[in-house]
Amino acid sequence: MDVTLPELEQAINYWRALRPSRGEEHALSPEVDMMASLYAMMIYRHARTISLDELAPAARQLTENWLRRS
């Protein structure tokens, strides 16, 4: 299964709602940071989609958790 950039944006927003930034520095939660890094990599590579099979196990789990919520 492939995940598109708009879907990844939705996943990031989902995790931001569950795990908002904290502290004075408004640091991203580990979940949001991981998803944002994936998003940045896709933008850098000009990729419109990414296969779940290509993701690191933790990123894949976060993405699968988001997919199950709908």
Protein backbone atom coordinates (compact mmCIF):
# COMPACT_ATOMS: atom_id res chain seq x y z
CA MET A 1 0.00 0.00 0.00
CA ASP A 2 1.18 3.50 -0.83
CA VAL A 3 0.70 6.66 1.20
CA THR A 4 0.36 9.98 -0.60
CA LEU A 5 1.65 13.37 0.55
CA PRO A 6 -1.87 14.61 1.40
CA GLU A 7 -2.47 11.45 3.42
CA LEU A 8 0.82 11.96 5.22
CA GLU A 9 -0.25 15.53 6.01
CA GLN A 10 -3.44 14.14 7.53
CA ALA A 11 -1.41 11.65 9.56
CA ILE A 12 0.85 14.43 10.85
CA ASN A 13 -2.19 16.48 11.89
CA TYR A 14 -3.66 13.41 13.59
CA TRP A 15 -0.50 12.86 15.64
CA ARG A 16 -0.19 16.60 16.38
CA ALA A 17 -3.66 16.52 17.90
CA LEU A 18 -2.81 13.47 20.00
CA ARG A 19 0.72 14.54 20.94
CA PRO A 20 0.95 18.35 20.80
CA SER A 21 4.26 20.18 21.06
CA ARG A 22 5.43 21.04 24.55
CA GLY A 23 7.66 23.34 26.46
CA GLU A 24 8.89 26.83 25.76
CA GLU A 25 10.62 25.66 22.63
CA HIS A 26 7.41 23.98 21.35
CA ALA A 27 9.36 20.86 20.47
CA LEU A 28 7.58 18.30 18.32
CA SER A 29 6.61 15.03 19.90
CA PRO A 30 8.64 12.00 18.76
CA GLU A 31 5.65 10.79 16.73
CA VAL A 32 5.16 14.08 14.90
CA ASP A 33 8.90 14.50 14.41
CA MET A 34 9.16 11.08 12.76
CA MET A 35 6.21 11.73 10.46
CA ALA A 36 7.48 15.24 9.59
CA SER A 37 10.90 13.81 8.72
CA LEU A 38 9.24 11.34 6.37
CA TYR A 39 7.23 14.17 4.81
CA ALA A 40 10.39 16.24 4.33
CA MET A 41 12.17 13.30 2.70
CA MET A 42 9.30 12.82 0.27
CA ILE A 43 9.35 16.53 -0.63
CA TYR A 44 13.12 16.43 -1.12
CA ARG A 45 12.86 13.40 -3.42
CA HIS A 46 9.85 14.83 -5.27
CA ALA A 47 7.95 11.66 -4.34
CA ARG A 48 4.17 11.79 -4.50
CA THR A 49 3.75 8.46 -2.74
CA ILE A 50 5.72 6.10 -0.56
CA SER A 51 5.12 2.43 0.07
CA LEU A 52 4.52 1.30 3.63
CA ASP A 53 7.12 -1.39 2.94
CA GLU A 54 9.78 1.33 2.52
CA LEU A 55 9.18 2.88 5.93
CA ALA A 56 11.20 2.24 9.04
CA PRO A 57 9.25 0.00 11.44
CA ALA A 58 8.34 2.83 13.82
CA ALA A 59 7.15 5.12 11.00
CA ARG A 60 5.19 2.26 9.49
CA GLN A 61 3.49 1.57 12.84
CA LEU A 62 2.54 5.23 13.27
CA THR A 63 1.15 5.33 9.73
CA GLU A 64 -0.78 2.09 10.18
CA ASN A 65 -2.21 3.35 13.48
CA TRP A 66 -3.41 6.51 11.72
CA LEU A 67 -4.91 4.48 8.86
CA ARG A 68 -6.84 2.29 11.30
CA ARG A 69 -8.42 5.26 13.03
CA SER A 70 -10.62 6.01 10.01
